[in-house]
């Protein structure tokens, strides 16, 4: 009888852990989608390809932008989304050539 009870407790713990993981994963997707939407709605940023990825409420921004102002603006947008704990700005500046 105790083996059956132990098995039940283990199965229940596994289900609860999986449920918490799925909930966190869904929250990351909600954050990613909201950050991407707001960046795409910003006139000065919409023409850049800025990739947004979210892991454990940390937003990763990647891509090329023209100015530091654009970088700061994208970072500010991501930081303002509810649920974001940190923004990892991996945006690079495009090189401008004098010719």
N, C-alpha and C. Protein backbone atom coordinates (compact mmCIF):
# COMPACT_ATOMS: atom_id res chain seq x y z
N UNK A 1 0.82 -1.20 0.00
CA UNK A 1 0.00 0.00 0.00
C UNK A 1 0.86 1.26 0.00
N UNK A 2 1.97 1.25 0.72
CA UNK A 2 2.81 2.43 0.80
C UNK A 2 3.51 2.69 -0.53
N UNK A 3 3.83 1.66 -1.30
CA UNK A 3 4.45 1.84 -2.62
C UNK A 3 3.48 2.56 -3.56
N UNK A 4 2.22 2.18 -3.50
CA UNK A 4 1.20 2.81 -4.33
C UNK A 4 1.04 4.27 -3.95
N UNK A 5 1.06 4.56 -2.67
CA UNK A 5 0.93 5.94 -2.20
C UNK A 5 2.13 6.78 -2.64
N UNK A 6 3.34 6.21 -2.52
CA UNK A 6 4.54 6.92 -2.94
C UNK A 6 4.50 7.24 -4.43
N UNK A 7 4.04 6.26 -5.21
CA UNK A 7 3.93 6.46 -6.65
C UNK A 7 2.93 7.57 -6.96
N UNK A 8 1.83 7.59 -6.25
CA UNK A 8 0.81 8.63 -6.46
C UNK A 8 1.39 10.01 -6.15
N UNK A 9 2.14 10.11 -5.06
CA UNK A 9 2.75 11.39 -4.68
C UNK A 9 3.75 11.83 -5.75
N UNK A 10 4.56 10.90 -6.26
CA UNK A 10 5.54 11.24 -7.30
C UNK A 10 4.86 11.71 -8.59
N UNK A 11 3.81 11.03 -8.98
CA UNK A 11 3.07 11.40 -10.20
C UNK A 11 2.45 12.78 -10.03
N UNK A 12 1.86 13.02 -8.87
CA UNK A 12 1.24 14.32 -8.60
C UNK A 12 2.29 15.44 -8.62
N UNK A 13 3.45 15.20 -8.03
CA UNK A 13 4.53 16.20 -8.03
C UNK A 13 5.00 16.48 -9.45
N UNK A 14 5.12 15.46 -10.26
CA UNK A 14 5.55 15.63 -11.65
C UNK A 14 4.53 16.44 -12.45
N UNK A 15 3.27 16.17 -12.24
CA UNK A 15 2.21 16.90 -12.95
C UNK A 15 2.23 18.37 -12.55
N UNK A 16 2.38 18.63 -11.26
CA UNK A 16 2.41 20.02 -10.78
C UNK A 16 3.63 20.76 -11.32
N UNK A 17 4.78 20.11 -11.35
CA UNK A 17 5.99 20.74 -11.87
C UNK A 17 5.83 21.04 -13.36
N UNK A 18 5.27 20.11 -14.10
CA UNK A 18 5.02 20.33 -15.52
C UNK A 18 4.06 21.46 -15.76
N UNK A 19 3.04 21.57 -14.93
CA UNK A 19 2.07 22.64 -15.05
C UNK A 19 2.72 24.00 -14.80
N UNK A 20 3.59 24.09 -13.80
CA UNK A 20 4.28 25.35 -13.50
C UNK A 20 5.19 25.73 -14.66
N UNK A 21 5.88 24.74 -15.25
CA UNK A 21 6.76 25.01 -16.39
C UNK A 21 5.96 25.52 -17.57
N UNK A 22 4.84 24.88 -17.86
CA UNK A 22 4.00 25.30 -19.00
C UNK A 22 3.48 26.71 -18.78
N UNK A 23 3.12 27.05 -17.54
CA UNK A 23 2.62 28.38 -17.24
C UNK A 23 3.72 29.42 -17.46
N UNK A 24 4.93 29.14 -16.98
CA UNK A 24 6.05 30.06 -17.17
C UNK A 24 6.37 30.21 -18.65
N UNK A 25 6.34 29.12 -19.39
CA UNK A 25 6.64 29.14 -20.81
C UNK A 25 5.60 29.99 -21.54
N UNK A 26 4.34 29.90 -21.15
CA UNK A 26 3.28 30.71 -21.75
C UNK A 26 3.46 32.18 -21.45
N UNK A 27 3.95 32.48 -20.26
CA UNK A 27 4.21 33.87 -19.87
C UNK A 27 5.34 34.45 -20.71
N UNK A 28 6.38 33.66 -20.94
CA UNK A 28 7.49 34.12 -21.79
C UNK A 28 7.00 34.43 -23.20
N UNK A 29 6.11 33.61 -23.73
CA UNK A 29 5.58 33.84 -25.07
C UNK A 29 4.73 35.11 -25.10
N UNK A 30 3.95 35.33 -24.05
CA UNK A 30 3.13 36.55 -23.97
C UNK A 30 4.04 37.78 -23.96
N UNK A 31 5.10 37.73 -23.16
CA UNK A 31 6.05 38.85 -23.08
C UNK A 31 6.71 39.08 -24.44
N UNK A 32 7.20 38.01 -25.07
CA UNK A 32 7.86 38.12 -26.37
C UNK A 32 6.95 38.77 -27.40
N UNK A 33 5.71 38.29 -27.45
CA UNK A 33 4.75 38.80 -28.43
C UNK A 33 4.44 40.28 -28.18
N UNK A 34 4.30 40.68 -26.93
CA UNK A 34 4.00 42.08 -26.61
C UNK A 34 5.18 43.00 -26.94
N UNK A 35 6.39 42.57 -26.62
CA UNK A 35 7.57 43.38 -26.95
C UNK A 35 7.69 43.52 -28.46
N UNK A 36 7.54 42.42 -29.21
CA UNK A 36 7.64 42.46 -30.67
C UNK A 36 6.58 43.37 -31.26
N UNK A 37 5.36 43.27 -30.74
CA UNK A 37 4.25 44.10 -31.23
C UNK A 37 4.56 45.59 -31.03
N UNK A 38 5.03 45.94 -29.83
CA UNK A 38 5.30 47.35 -29.55
C UNK A 38 6.48 47.88 -30.37
N UNK A 39 7.49 47.06 -30.58
CA UNK A 39 8.61 47.48 -31.44
C UNK A 39 8.12 47.68 -32.87
N UNK A 40 7.30 46.76 -33.37
CA UNK A 40 6.79 46.87 -34.74
C UNK A 40 5.85 48.06 -34.92
N UNK A 41 5.21 48.50 -33.85
CA UNK A 41 4.31 49.66 -33.92
C UNK A 41 5.06 50.99 -33.82
N UNK A 42 6.31 50.95 -33.40
CA UNK A 42 7.10 52.18 -33.27
C UNK A 42 7.66 52.58 -34.64
N UNK A 43 7.27 53.76 -35.10
CA UNK A 43 7.63 54.19 -36.46
C UNK A 43 9.13 54.14 -36.72
N UNK A 44 9.93 54.54 -35.75
CA UNK A 44 11.38 54.60 -35.98
C UNK A 44 12.04 53.23 -35.91
N UNK A 45 11.34 52.21 -35.45
CA UNK A 45 11.93 50.88 -35.30
C UNK A 45 11.34 49.82 -36.23
N UNK A 46 10.19 50.08 -36.79
CA UNK A 46 9.46 49.04 -37.51
C UNK A 46 10.17 48.49 -38.74
N UNK A 47 11.09 49.26 -39.32
CA UNK A 47 11.75 48.78 -40.54
C UNK A 47 13.04 48.01 -40.28
N UNK A 48 13.45 47.95 -39.03
CA UNK A 48 14.60 47.13 -38.66
C UNK A 48 14.10 45.72 -38.41
N UNK A 49 14.96 44.74 -38.63
CA UNK A 49 14.62 43.39 -38.23
C UNK A 49 15.20 43.20 -36.83
N UNK A 50 14.36 43.36 -35.83
CA UNK A 50 14.78 43.16 -34.44
C UNK A 50 14.14 41.87 -33.95
N UNK A 51 14.99 40.92 -33.63
CA UNK A 51 14.54 39.63 -33.13
C UNK A 51 14.34 39.73 -31.62
N UNK A 52 13.20 39.23 -31.15
CA UNK A 52 12.88 39.25 -29.72
C UNK A 52 12.74 37.81 -29.25
N UNK A 53 13.48 37.48 -28.20
CA UNK A 53 13.40 36.15 -27.60
C UNK A 53 13.26 36.36 -26.10
N UNK A 54 12.48 35.52 -25.44
CA UNK A 54 12.28 35.65 -23.99
C UNK A 54 12.50 34.30 -23.33
N UNK A 55 13.34 34.29 -22.30
CA UNK A 55 13.59 33.09 -21.50
C UNK A 55 13.55 33.50 -20.03
N UNK A 56 12.67 32.87 -19.28
CA UNK A 56 12.54 33.15 -17.84
C UNK A 56 12.37 34.64 -17.56
N UNK A 57 11.52 35.29 -18.35
CA UNK A 57 11.17 36.71 -18.18
C UNK A 57 12.31 37.66 -18.56
N UNK A 58 13.39 37.15 -19.13
CA UNK A 58 14.48 37.98 -19.62
C UNK A 58 14.32 38.11 -21.14
N UNK A 59 14.29 39.35 -21.62
CA UNK A 59 14.10 39.61 -23.05
C UNK A 59 15.46 39.81 -23.70
N UNK A 60 15.68 39.11 -24.82
CA UNK A 60 16.91 39.23 -25.61
C UNK A 60 16.55 39.92 -26.93
N UNK A 61 17.19 41.06 -27.19
CA UNK A 61 16.99 41.80 -28.44
C UNK A 61 18.21 41.62 -29.31
N UNK A 62 17.98 41.24 -30.58
CA UNK A 62 19.08 41.04 -31.53
C UNK A 62 18.71 41.67 -32.85
N UNK A 63 19.72 42.22 -33.53
CA UNK A 63 19.48 42.79 -34.84
C UNK A 63 20.40 43.97 -35.08
N UNK A 64 20.14 44.68 -36.18
CA UNK A 64 20.93 45.86 -36.55
C UNK A 64 20.04 47.09 -36.54
N UNK A 65 20.54 48.17 -35.94
CA UNK A 65 19.85 49.45 -35.94
C UNK A 65 20.84 50.53 -36.38
N UNK A 66 20.31 51.71 -36.72
CA UNK A 66 21.17 52.78 -37.22
C UNK A 66 21.85 53.60 -36.13
N UNK A 67 21.17 53.81 -35.00
CA UNK A 67 21.70 54.74 -33.99
C UNK A 67 21.58 54.17 -32.58
N UNK A 68 22.33 54.77 -31.67
CA UNK A 68 22.21 54.41 -30.26
C UNK A 68 20.84 54.79 -29.72
N UNK A 69 20.25 55.84 -30.26
CA UNK A 69 18.90 56.23 -29.86
C UNK A 69 17.93 55.07 -30.14
N UNK A 70 18.05 54.45 -31.32
CA UNK A 70 17.19 53.31 -31.67
C UNK A 70 17.39 52.16 -30.68
N UNK A 71 18.63 51.90 -30.33
CA UNK A 71 18.93 50.84 -29.34
C UNK A 71 18.24 51.13 -28.02
N UNK A 72 18.41 52.36 -27.53
CA UNK A 72 17.82 52.72 -26.24
C UNK A 72 16.29 52.66 -26.29
N UNK A 73 15.74 53.05 -27.42
CA UNK A 73 14.29 53.03 -27.57
C UNK A 73 13.76 51.59 -27.52
N UNK A 74 14.40 50.68 -28.23
CA UNK A 74 13.98 49.28 -28.21
C UNK A 74 14.11 48.69 -26.81
N UNK A 75 15.20 49.02 -26.14
CA UNK A 75 15.41 48.53 -24.78
C UNK A 75 14.35 49.09 -23.83
N UNK A 76 14.01 50.36 -23.97
CA UNK A 76 12.99 50.98 -23.11
C UNK A 76 11.62 50.34 -23.33
N UNK A 77 11.30 50.06 -24.59
CA UNK A 77 10.03 49.40 -24.90
C UNK A 77 9.97 48.05 -24.21
N UNK A 78 11.03 47.26 -24.34
CA UNK A 78 11.05 45.92 -23.74
C UNK A 78 10.97 46.00 -22.22
N UNK A 79 11.69 46.93 -21.63
CA UNK A 79 11.70 47.07 -20.17
C UNK A 79 10.33 47.43 -19.61
N UNK A 80 9.54 48.14 -20.39
CA UNK A 80 8.23 48.62 -19.91
C UNK A 80 7.13 47.56 -19.96
N UNK A 81 7.38 46.45 -20.61
CA UNK A 81 6.35 45.40 -20.71
C UNK A 81 6.24 44.67 -19.37
N UNK A 82 5.02 44.56 -18.83
CA UNK A 82 4.84 43.87 -17.55
C UNK A 82 5.36 42.43 -17.60
N UNK A 83 6.09 42.06 -16.55
CA UNK A 83 6.63 40.71 -16.45
C UNK A 83 8.09 40.61 -16.83
N UNK A 84 8.63 41.62 -17.50
CA UNK A 84 10.04 41.60 -17.90
C UNK A 84 10.90 41.91 -16.68
N UNK A 85 11.88 41.04 -16.41
CA UNK A 85 12.77 41.26 -15.28
C UNK A 85 14.11 41.86 -15.71
N UNK A 86 14.47 41.65 -16.97
CA UNK A 86 15.76 42.15 -17.47
C UNK A 86 15.71 42.18 -18.99
N UNK A 87 16.49 43.09 -19.58
CA UNK A 87 16.61 43.15 -21.04
C UNK A 87 18.08 42.98 -21.39
N UNK A 88 18.35 42.00 -22.24
CA UNK A 88 19.71 41.75 -22.73
C UNK A 88 19.77 42.32 -24.14
N UNK A 89 20.38 43.50 -24.25
CA UNK A 89 20.44 44.22 -25.53
C UNK A 89 21.65 43.73 -26.33
N UNK A 90 21.38 42.97 -27.37
CA UNK A 90 22.42 42.49 -28.27
C UNK A 90 22.31 43.16 -29.64
N UNK A 91 21.68 44.34 -29.66
CA UNK A 91 21.53 45.07 -30.91
C UNK A 91 22.87 45.67 -31.31
N UNK A 92 23.15 45.64 -32.59
CA UNK A 92 24.40 46.19 -33.13
C UNK A 92 24.09 47.39 -34.01
N UNK A 93 25.04 48.29 -34.08
CA UNK A 93 24.88 49.47 -34.94
C UNK A 93 25.38 49.12 -36.35
N UNK A 94 24.61 49.56 -37.34
CA UNK A 94 25.04 49.39 -38.73
C UNK A 94 26.22 50.31 -38.97
N UNK A 95 27.15 49.85 -39.74
CA UNK A 95 28.30 50.70 -40.10
C UNK A 95 27.88 51.65 -41.22
N UNK A 96 28.31 52.87 -41.10
CA UNK A 96 28.07 53.80 -42.20
C UNK A 96 29.41 54.08 -42.87
N UNK A 97 29.41 54.00 -44.15
CA UNK A 97 30.63 54.20 -44.92
C UNK A 97 30.61 55.60 -45.54
N UNK A 98 31.76 56.27 -45.60
CA UNK A 98 31.80 57.66 -46.07
C UNK A 98 31.58 57.81 -47.58
N UNK A 99 31.52 56.76 -48.32
CA UNK A 99 31.36 56.93 -49.77
C UNK A 99 29.96 56.78 -50.21
